């Protein structure tokens, strides 16, 4: 017999420069694995700024993630979909 562990989800927190895990963060999202190299960002309350996107991409690319997808429903009902490839 043998086992296999499959990561299903995690939390990505974005910190200001000089801050680290345990400090106050400025943005947070749930990350759901769709495949080993493709994730979906879920539960986004506010749109990330360009500098946040850079930190998101850098963090996920360093984890060998190739594709990031997100779907966000705005208050007027509009759905914003975005897919970013490495």
PDB file of N, CA and C in Angstrom:
ATOM      1  N   UNK A   1       0.831  -1.182   0.000  1.00  0.00           N
ATOM      2  CA  UNK A   1       0.000   0.000   0.000  1.00  0.00           C
ATOM      3  C   UNK A   1       0.875   1.244   0.000  1.00  0.00           C
ATOM      4  N   UNK A   2       0.311   2.327  -0.538  1.00  0.00           N
ATOM      5  CA  UNK A   2       0.989   3.612  -0.487  1.00  0.00           C
ATOM      6  C   UNK A   2      -0.048   4.725  -0.522  1.00  0.00           C
ATOM      7  N   UNK A   3       0.375   5.895  -0.184  1.00  0.00           N
ATOM      8  CA  UNK A   3      -0.535   7.041  -0.160  1.00  0.00           C
ATOM      9  C   UNK A   3      -0.061   8.135  -1.102  1.00  0.00           C
ATOM     10  N   UNK A   4      -0.947   9.029  -1.379  1.00  0.00           N
ATOM     11  CA  UNK A   4      -0.632  10.198  -2.210  1.00  0.00           C
ATOM     12  C   UNK A   4      -1.323  11.390  -1.580  1.00  0.00           C
ATOM     13  N   UNK A   5      -0.589  12.462  -1.342  1.00  0.00           N
ATOM     14  CA  UNK A   5      -1.159  13.683  -0.798  1.00  0.00           C
ATOM     15  C   UNK A   5      -1.343  14.683  -1.925  1.00  0.00           C
ATOM     16  N   UNK A   6      -2.556  15.198  -2.072  1.00  0.00           N
ATOM     17  CA  UNK A   6      -2.859  16.181  -3.105  1.00  0.00           C
ATOM     18  C   UNK A   6      -3.284  17.491  -2.447  1.00  0.00           C
ATOM     19  N   UNK A   7      -2.504  18.568  -2.632  1.00  0.00           N
ATOM     20  CA  UNK A   7      -2.920  19.851  -2.064  1.00  0.00           C
ATOM     21  C   UNK A   7      -4.152  20.360  -2.806  1.00  0.00           C
ATOM     22  N   UNK A   8      -5.180  20.727  -2.073  1.00  0.00           N
ATOM     23  CA  UNK A   8      -6.428  21.184  -2.669  1.00  0.00           C
ATOM     24  C   UNK A   8      -6.543  22.701  -2.613  1.00  0.00           C
ATOM     25  N   UNK A   9      -6.142  23.298  -1.496  1.00  0.00           N
ATOM     26  CA  UNK A   9      -6.260  24.746  -1.374  1.00  0.00           C
ATOM     27  C   UNK A   9      -5.261  25.286  -0.360  1.00  0.00           C
ATOM     28  N   UNK A  10      -5.124  26.590  -0.386  1.00  0.00           N
ATOM     29  CA  UNK A  10      -4.258  27.278   0.558  1.00  0.00           C
ATOM     30  C   UNK A  10      -4.669  28.737   0.633  1.00  0.00           C
ATOM     31  N   UNK A  11      -3.974  29.491   1.423  1.00  0.00           N
ATOM     32  CA  UNK A  11      -4.239  30.912   1.575  1.00  0.00           C
ATOM     33  C   UNK A  11      -2.984  31.681   1.166  1.00  0.00           C
ATOM     34  N   UNK A  12      -3.157  32.672   0.309  1.00  0.00           N
ATOM     35  CA  UNK A  12      -2.053  33.531  -0.110  1.00  0.00           C
ATOM     36  C   UNK A  12      -2.273  34.907   0.508  1.00  0.00           C
ATOM     37  N   UNK A  13      -1.322  35.348   1.282  1.00  0.00           N
ATOM     38  CA  UNK A  13      -1.388  36.669   1.910  1.00  0.00           C
ATOM     39  C   UNK A  13      -0.301  37.558   1.309  1.00  0.00           C
ATOM     40  N   UNK A  14      -0.648  38.806   1.066  1.00  0.00           N
ATOM     41  CA  UNK A  14       0.295  39.777   0.520  1.00  0.00           C
ATOM     42  C   UNK A  14       0.637  40.776   1.621  1.00  0.00           C
ATOM     43  N   UNK A  15       1.933  40.996   1.807  1.00  0.00           N
ATOM     44  CA  UNK A  15       2.453  41.873   2.861  1.00  0.00           C
ATOM     45  C   UNK A  15       3.154  43.079   2.251  1.00  0.00           C
ATOM     46  N   UNK A  16       3.153  44.179   2.971  1.00  0.00           N
ATOM     47  CA  UNK A  16       3.960  45.340   2.595  1.00  0.00           C
ATOM     48  C   UNK A  16       5.431  44.945   2.716  1.00  0.00           C
ATOM     49  N   UNK A  17       6.300  45.655   2.019  1.00  0.00           N
ATOM     50  CA  UNK A  17       7.739  45.409   2.129  1.00  0.00           C
ATOM     51  C   UNK A  17       8.167  45.517   3.591  1.00  0.00           C
ATOM     52  N   UNK A  18       9.028  44.617   4.022  1.00  0.00           N
ATOM     53  CA  UNK A  18       9.525  44.613   5.391  1.00  0.00           C
ATOM     54  C   UNK A  18       8.660  43.831   6.364  1.00  0.00           C
ATOM     55  N   UNK A  19       7.464  43.423   5.922  1.00  0.00           N
ATOM     56  CA  UNK A  19       6.575  42.623   6.775  1.00  0.00           C
ATOM     57  C   UNK A  19       6.721  41.159   6.371  1.00  0.00           C
ATOM     58  N   UNK A  20       6.311  40.258   7.261  1.00  0.00           N
ATOM     59  CA  UNK A  20       6.413  38.828   6.977  1.00  0.00           C
ATOM     60  C   UNK A  20       5.264  38.098   7.662  1.00  0.00           C
ATOM     61  N   UNK A  21       5.219  36.798   7.446  1.00  0.00           N
ATOM     62  CA  UNK A  21       4.155  35.979   8.032  1.00  0.00           C
ATOM     63  C   UNK A  21       4.069  36.250   9.532  1.00  0.00           C
ATOM     64  N   UNK A  22       2.856  36.501  10.002  1.00  0.00           N
ATOM     65  CA  UNK A  22       2.626  36.849  11.396  1.00  0.00           C
ATOM     66  C   UNK A  22       2.358  38.334  11.582  1.00  0.00           C
ATOM     67  N   UNK A  23       2.831  39.146  10.618  1.00  0.00           N
ATOM     68  CA  UNK A  23       2.551  40.574  10.634  1.00  0.00           C
ATOM     69  C   UNK A  23       1.209  40.835   9.945  1.00  0.00           C
ATOM     70  N   UNK A  24       0.753  42.066  10.040  1.00  0.00           N
ATOM     71  CA  UNK A  24      -0.484  42.452   9.354  1.00  0.00           C
ATOM     72  C   UNK A  24      -0.268  42.369   7.850  1.00  0.00           C
ATOM     73  N   UNK A  25      -1.239  41.820   7.138  1.00  0.00           N
ATOM     74  CA  UNK A  25      -1.145  41.728   5.685  1.00  0.00           C
ATOM     75  C   UNK A  25      -2.143  42.688   5.052  1.00  0.00           C
ATOM     76  N   UNK A  26      -1.919  43.007   3.765  1.00  0.00           N
ATOM     77  CA  UNK A  26      -2.760  43.993   3.092  1.00  0.00           C
ATOM     78  C   UNK A  26      -3.796  43.374   2.154  1.00  0.00           C
ATOM     79  N   UNK A  27      -3.628  42.099   1.830  1.00  0.00           N
ATOM     80  CA  UNK A  27      -4.544  41.442   0.901  1.00  0.00           C
ATOM     81  C   UNK A  27      -4.436  39.942   1.099  1.00  0.00           C
ATOM     82  N   UNK A  28      -5.539  39.254   0.876  1.00  0.00           N
ATOM     83  CA  UNK A  28      -5.573  37.818   1.132  1.00  0.00           C
ATOM     84  C   UNK A  28      -6.538  37.156   0.161  1.00  0.00           C
ATOM     85  N   UNK A  29      -6.232  35.921  -0.242  1.00  0.00           N
ATOM     86  CA  UNK A  29      -7.104  35.187  -1.151  1.00  0.00           C
ATOM     87  C   UNK A  29      -6.958  33.686  -0.896  1.00  0.00           C
ATOM     88  N   UNK A  30      -8.027  32.952  -1.129  1.00  0.00           N
ATOM     89  CA  UNK A  30      -7.964  31.493  -1.092  1.00  0.00           C
ATOM     90  C   UNK A  30      -7.500  31.017  -2.465  1.00  0.00           C
ATOM     91  N   UNK A  31      -6.564  30.087  -2.477  1.00  0.00           N
ATOM     92  CA  UNK A  31      -6.025  29.538  -3.722  1.00  0.00           C
ATOM     93  C   UNK A  31      -6.464  28.080  -3.812  1.00  0.00           C
ATOM     94  N   UNK A  32      -7.193  27.764  -4.879  1.00  0.00           N
ATOM     95  CA  UNK A  32      -7.675  26.404  -5.095  1.00  0.00           C
ATOM     96  C   UNK A  32      -6.894  25.781  -6.258  1.00  0.00           C
ATOM     97  N   UNK A  33      -6.299  24.630  -6.022  1.00  0.00           N
ATOM     98  CA  UNK A  33      -5.573  23.935  -7.084  1.00  0.00           C
ATOM     99  C   UNK A  33      -6.567  23.288  -8.036  1.00  0.00           C
ATOM    100  N   UNK A  34      -6.472  23.622  -9.328  1.00  0.00           N
ATOM    101  CA  UNK A  34      -7.278  22.978 -10.360  1.00  0.00           C
ATOM    102  C   UNK A  34      -6.510  21.794 -10.948  1.00  0.00           C
ATOM    103  N   UNK A  35      -5.202  21.999 -11.111  1.00  0.00           N
ATOM    104  CA  UNK A  35      -4.282  20.923 -11.495  1.00  0.00           C
ATOM    105  C   UNK A  35      -3.004  21.185 -10.706  1.00  0.00           C
ATOM    106  N   UNK A  36      -1.988  20.406 -10.969  1.00  0.00           N
ATOM    107  CA  UNK A  36      -0.719  20.594 -10.258  1.00  0.00           C
ATOM    108  C   UNK A  36      -0.067  21.933 -10.577  1.00  0.00           C
ATOM    109  N   UNK A  37      -0.380  22.494 -11.758  1.00  0.00           N
ATOM    110  CA  UNK A  37       0.263  23.737 -12.178  1.00  0.00           C
ATOM    111  C   UNK A  37      -0.724  24.862 -12.498  1.00  0.00           C
ATOM    112  N   UNK A  38      -1.992  24.670 -12.178  1.00  0.00           N
ATOM    113  CA  UNK A  38      -3.017  25.680 -12.454  1.00  0.00           C
ATOM    114  C   UNK A  38      -3.852  25.899 -11.202  1.00  0.00           C
ATOM    115  N   UNK A  39      -4.000  27.175 -10.803  1.00  0.00           N
ATOM    116  CA  UNK A  39      -4.773  27.493  -9.602  1.00  0.00           C
ATOM    117  C   UNK A  39      -5.841  28.529  -9.914  1.00  0.00           C
ATOM    118  N   UNK A  40      -6.859  28.555  -9.057  1.00  0.00           N
ATOM    119  CA  UNK A  40      -7.908  29.564  -9.136  1.00  0.00           C
ATOM    120  C   UNK A  40      -7.873  30.385  -7.857  1.00  0.00           C
ATOM    121  N   UNK A  41      -7.957  31.703  -8.002  1.00  0.00           N
ATOM    122  CA  UNK A  41      -8.041  32.588  -6.848  1.00  0.00           C
ATOM    123  C   UNK A  41      -9.517  32.761  -6.512  1.00  0.00           C
ATOM    124  N   UNK A  42      -9.892  32.453  -5.276  1.00  0.00           N
ATOM    125  CA  UNK A  42     -11.295  32.456  -4.858  1.00  0.00           C
ATOM    126  C   UNK A  42     -11.514  33.403  -3.683  1.00  0.00           C
ATOM    127  N   UNK A  43     -12.681  33.995  -3.618  1.00  0.00           N
ATOM    128  CA  UNK A  43     -13.037  34.828  -2.478  1.00  0.00           C
ATOM    129  C   UNK A  43     -12.350  36.175  -2.474  1.00  0.00           C
ATOM    130  N   UNK A  44     -12.149  36.741  -3.654  1.00  0.00           N
ATOM    131  CA  UNK A  44     -11.474  38.035  -3.753  1.00  0.00           C
ATOM    132  C   UNK A  44     -12.461  39.139  -3.382  1.00  0.00           C
ATOM    133  N   UNK A  45     -12.159  39.873  -2.320  1.00  0.00           N
ATOM    134  CA  UNK A  45     -13.050  40.945  -1.866  1.00  0.00           C
ATOM    135  C   UNK A  45     -12.765  42.249  -2.600  1.00  0.00           C
ATOM    136  N   UNK A  46     -11.484  42.563  -2.802  1.00  0.00           N
ATOM    137  CA  UNK A  46     -11.142  43.766  -3.560  1.00  0.00           C
ATOM    138  C   UNK A  46     -10.079  43.402  -4.583  1.00  0.00           C
ATOM    139  N   UNK A  47     -10.131  44.115  -5.705  1.00  0.00           N
ATOM    140  CA  UNK A  47      -9.187  43.836  -6.785  1.00  0.00           C
ATOM    141  C   UNK A  47      -7.758  44.127  -6.324  1.00  0.00           C
ATOM    142  N   UNK A  48      -6.831  43.255  -6.667  1.00  0.00           N
ATOM    143  CA  UNK A  48      -5.435  43.511  -6.311  1.00  0.00           C
ATOM    144  C   UNK A  48      -4.867  44.660  -7.141  1.00  0.00           C
ATOM    145  N   UNK A  49      -3.991  45.423  -6.522  1.00  0.00           N
ATOM    146  CA  UNK A  49      -3.295  46.503  -7.227  1.00  0.00           C
ATOM    147  C   UNK A  49      -2.219  45.881  -8.126  1.00  0.00           C
ATOM    148  N   UNK A  50      -1.646  46.664  -9.037  1.00  0.00           N
ATOM    149  CA  UNK A  50      -0.567  46.123  -9.870  1.00  0.00           C
ATOM    150  C   UNK A  50       0.599  45.554  -9.048  1.00  0.00           C
ATOM    151  N   UNK A  51       0.977  46.225  -7.962  1.00  0.00           N
ATOM    152  CA  UNK A  51       2.082  45.693  -7.153  1.00  0.00           C
ATOM    153  C   UNK A  51       1.672  44.408  -6.440  1.00  0.00           C
ATOM    154  N   UNK A  52       0.407  44.284  -6.066  1.00  0.00           N
ATOM    155  CA  UNK A  52      -0.078  43.035  -5.472  1.00  0.00           C
ATOM    156  C   UNK A  52      -0.039  41.917  -6.507  1.00  0.00           C
ATOM    157  N   UNK A  53      -0.462  42.217  -7.765  1.00  0.00           N
ATOM    158  CA  UNK A  53      -0.412  41.203  -8.822  1.00  0.00           C
ATOM    159  C   UNK A  53       1.010  40.705  -9.023  1.00  0.00           C
ATOM    160  N   UNK A  54       1.965  41.623  -8.957  1.00  0.00           N
ATOM    161  CA  UNK A  54       3.364  41.214  -9.118  1.00  0.00           C
ATOM    162  C   UNK A  54       3.752  40.239  -8.008  1.00  0.00           C
ATOM    163  N   UNK A  55       3.374  40.541  -6.776  1.00  0.00           N
ATOM    164  CA  UNK A  55       3.691  39.659  -5.642  1.00  0.00           C
ATOM    165  C   UNK A  55       2.961  38.323  -5.766  1.00  0.00           C
ATOM    166  N   UNK A  56       1.710  38.354  -6.232  1.00  0.00           N
ATOM    167  CA  UNK A  56       0.936  37.120  -6.424  1.00  0.00           C
ATOM    168  C   UNK A  56       1.635  36.239  -7.456  1.00  0.00           C
ATOM    169  N   UNK A  57       1.955  36.826  -8.608  1.00  0.00           N
ATOM    170  CA  UNK A  57       2.612  36.061  -9.676  1.00  0.00           C
ATOM    171  C   UNK A  57       3.951  35.507  -9.217  1.00  0.00           C
ATOM    172  N   UNK A  58       4.754  36.331  -8.591  1.00  0.00           N
ATOM    173  CA  UNK A  58       6.073  35.884  -8.136  1.00  0.00           C
ATOM    174  C   UNK A  58       5.944  34.717  -7.172  1.00  0.00           C
ATOM    175  N   UNK A  59       5.039  34.840  -6.221  1.00  0.00           N
ATOM    176  CA  UNK A  59       4.847  33.764  -5.237  1.00  0.00           C
ATOM    177  C   UNK A  59       4.414  32.473  -5.907  1.00  0.00           C
ATOM    178  N   UNK A  60       3.419  32.555  -6.791  1.00  0.00           N
ATOM    179  CA  UNK A  60       2.898  31.345  -7.431  1.00  0.00           C
ATOM    180  C   UNK A  60       3.872  30.779  -8.461  1.00  0.00           C
ATOM    181  N   UNK A  61       4.542  31.626  -9.222  1.00  0.00           N
ATOM    182  CA  UNK A  61       5.534  31.122 -10.204  1.00  0.00           C
ATOM    183  C   UNK A  61       6.650  30.376  -9.472  1.00  0.00           C
ATOM    184  N   UNK A  62       7.031  30.873  -8.287  1.00  0.00           N
ATOM    185  CA  UNK A  62       8.066  30.201  -7.500  1.00  0.00           C
ATOM    186  C   UNK A  62       7.604  28.839  -6.985  1.00  0.00           C
ATOM    187  N   UNK A  63       6.305  28.600  -7.005  1.00  0.00           N
ATOM    188  CA  UNK A  63       5.738  27.297  -6.618  1.00  0.00           C
ATOM    189  C   UNK A  63       5.510  26.414  -7.845  1.00  0.00           C
ATOM    190  N   UNK A  64       6.054  26.825  -8.993  1.00  0.00           N
ATOM    191  CA  UNK A  64       5.891  26.112 -10.268  1.00  0.00           C
ATOM    192  C   UNK A  64       4.452  26.091 -10.767  1.00  0.00           C
ATOM    193  N   UNK A  65       3.691  27.122 -10.434  1.00  0.00           N
ATOM    194  CA  UNK A  65       2.343  27.288 -10.979  1.00  0.00           C
ATOM    195  C   UNK A  65       2.498  28.000 -12.324  1.00  0.00           C
ATOM    196  N   UNK A  66       1.835  27.490 -13.358  1.00  0.00           N
ATOM    197  CA  UNK A  66       1.940  28.069 -14.696  1.00  0.00           C
ATOM    198  C   UNK A  66       0.767  28.968 -15.059  1.00  0.00           C
ATOM    199  N   UNK A  67      -0.412  28.726 -14.456  1.00  0.00           N
ATOM    200  CA  UNK A  67      -1.618  29.455 -14.829  1.00  0.00           C
ATOM    201  C   UNK A  67      -2.393  29.847 -13.585  1.00  0.00           C
ATOM    202  N   UNK A  68      -2.813  31.116 -13.556  1.00  0.00           N
ATOM    203  CA  UNK A  68      -3.638  31.632 -12.462  1.00  0.00           C
ATOM    204  C   UNK A  68      -4.939  32.130 -13.078  1.00  0.00           C
ATOM    205  N   UNK A  69      -6.063  31.654 -12.562  1.00  0.00           N
ATOM    206  CA  UNK A  69      -7.367  32.110 -13.046  1.00  0.00           C
ATOM    207  C   UNK A  69      -8.148  32.704 -11.883  1.00  0.00           C
ATOM    208  N   UNK A  70      -9.022  33.636 -12.213  1.00  0.00           N
ATOM    209  CA  UNK A  70      -9.898  34.195 -11.199  1.00  0.00           C
ATOM    210  C   UNK A  70     -11.198  34.615 -11.854  1.00  0.00           C
ATOM    211  N   UNK A  71     -12.238  34.603 -11.056  1.00  0.00           N
ATOM    212  CA  UNK A  71     -13.544  35.081 -11.485  1.00  0.00           C
ATOM    213  C   UNK A  71     -14.091  35.900 -10.329  1.00  0.00           C
ATOM    214  N   UNK A  72     -14.484  37.129 -10.617  1.00  0.00           N
ATOM    215  CA  UNK A  72     -14.933  38.032  -9.564  1.00  0.00           C
ATOM    216  C   UNK A  72     -16.231  38.684  -9.988  1.00  0.00           C
ATOM    217  N   UNK A  73     -17.229  38.647  -9.111  1.00  0.00           N
ATOM    218  CA  UNK A  73     -18.507  39.279  -9.408  1.00  0.00           C
ATOM    219  C   UNK A  73     -18.530  40.656  -8.754  1.00  0.00           C
ATOM    220  N   UNK A  74     -18.734  41.680  -9.571  1.00  0.00           N
ATOM    221  CA  UNK A  74     -18.778  43.050  -9.072  1.00  0.00           C
ATOM    222  C   UNK A  74     -20.156  43.348  -8.493  1.00  0.00           C
ATOM    223  N   UNK A  75     -20.258  44.451  -7.760  1.00  0.00           N
ATOM    224  CA  UNK A  75     -21.520  44.791  -7.095  1.00  0.00           C
ATOM    225  C   UNK A  75     -22.653  45.029  -8.083  1.00  0.00           C
ATOM    226  N   UNK A  76     -22.336  45.404  -9.312  1.00  0.00           N
ATOM    227  CA  UNK A  76     -23.399  45.618 -10.306  1.00  0.00           C
ATOM    228  C   UNK A  76     -23.786  44.335 -11.040  1.00  0.00           C
ATOM    229  N   UNK A  77     -23.198  43.217 -10.622  1.00  0.00           N
ATOM    230  CA  UNK A  77     -23.518  41.928 -11.228  1.00  0.00           C
ATOM    231  C   UNK A  77     -22.580  41.510 -12.344  1.00  0.00           C
ATOM    232  N   UNK A  78     -21.731  42.410 -12.789  1.00  0.00           N
ATOM    233  CA  UNK A  78     -20.762  42.093 -13.836  1.00  0.00           C
ATOM    234  C   UNK A  78     -19.762  41.062 -13.318  1.00  0.00           C
ATOM    235  N   UNK A  79     -19.455  40.076 -14.161  1.00  0.00           N
ATOM    236  CA  UNK A  79     -18.458  39.070 -13.791  1.00  0.00           C
ATOM    237  C   UNK A  79     -17.167  39.362 -14.547  1.00  0.00           C
ATOM    238  N   UNK A  80     -16.093  39.488 -13.793  1.00  0.00           N
ATOM    239  CA  UNK A  80     -14.767  39.743 -14.361  1.00  0.00           C
ATOM    240  C   UNK A  80     -13.987  38.441 -14.303  1.00  0.00           C
ATOM    241  N   UNK A  81     -13.512  37.977 -15.462  1.00  0.00           N
ATOM    242  CA  UNK A  81     -12.702  36.758 -15.515  1.00  0.00           C
ATOM    243  C   UNK A  81     -11.311  37.133 -16.016  1.00  0.00           C
ATOM    244  N   UNK A  82     -10.321  36.521 -15.421  1.00  0.00           N
ATOM    245  CA  UNK A  82      -8.941  36.808 -15.807  1.00  0.00           C
ATOM    246  C   UNK A  82      -8.149  35.518 -15.742  1.00  0.00           C
ATOM    247  N   UNK A  83      -7.291  35.293 -16.720  1.00  0.00           N
ATOM    248  CA  UNK A  83      -6.386  34.141 -16.701  1.00  0.00           C
ATOM    249  C   UNK A  83      -4.995  34.647 -17.048  1.00  0.00           C
ATOM    250  N   UNK A  84      -4.043  34.325 -16.193  1.00  0.00           N
ATOM    251  CA  UNK A  84      -2.666  34.769 -16.376  1.00  0.00           C
ATOM    252  C   UNK A  84      -1.785  33.548 -16.556  1.00  0.00           C
ATOM    253  N   UNK A  85      -1.034  33.548 -17.654  1.00  0.00           N
ATOM    254  CA  UNK A  85      -0.072  32.479 -17.930  1.00  0.00           C
ATOM    255  C   UNK A  85       1.313  32.958 -17.551  1.00  0.00           C
ATOM    256  N   UNK A  86       2.152  32.009 -17.122  1.00  0.00           N
ATOM    257  CA  UNK A  86       3.541  32.356 -16.822  1.00  0.00           C
ATOM    258  C   UNK A  86       4.241  32.797 -18.075  1.00  0.00           C
TER     259      UNK A  86
END
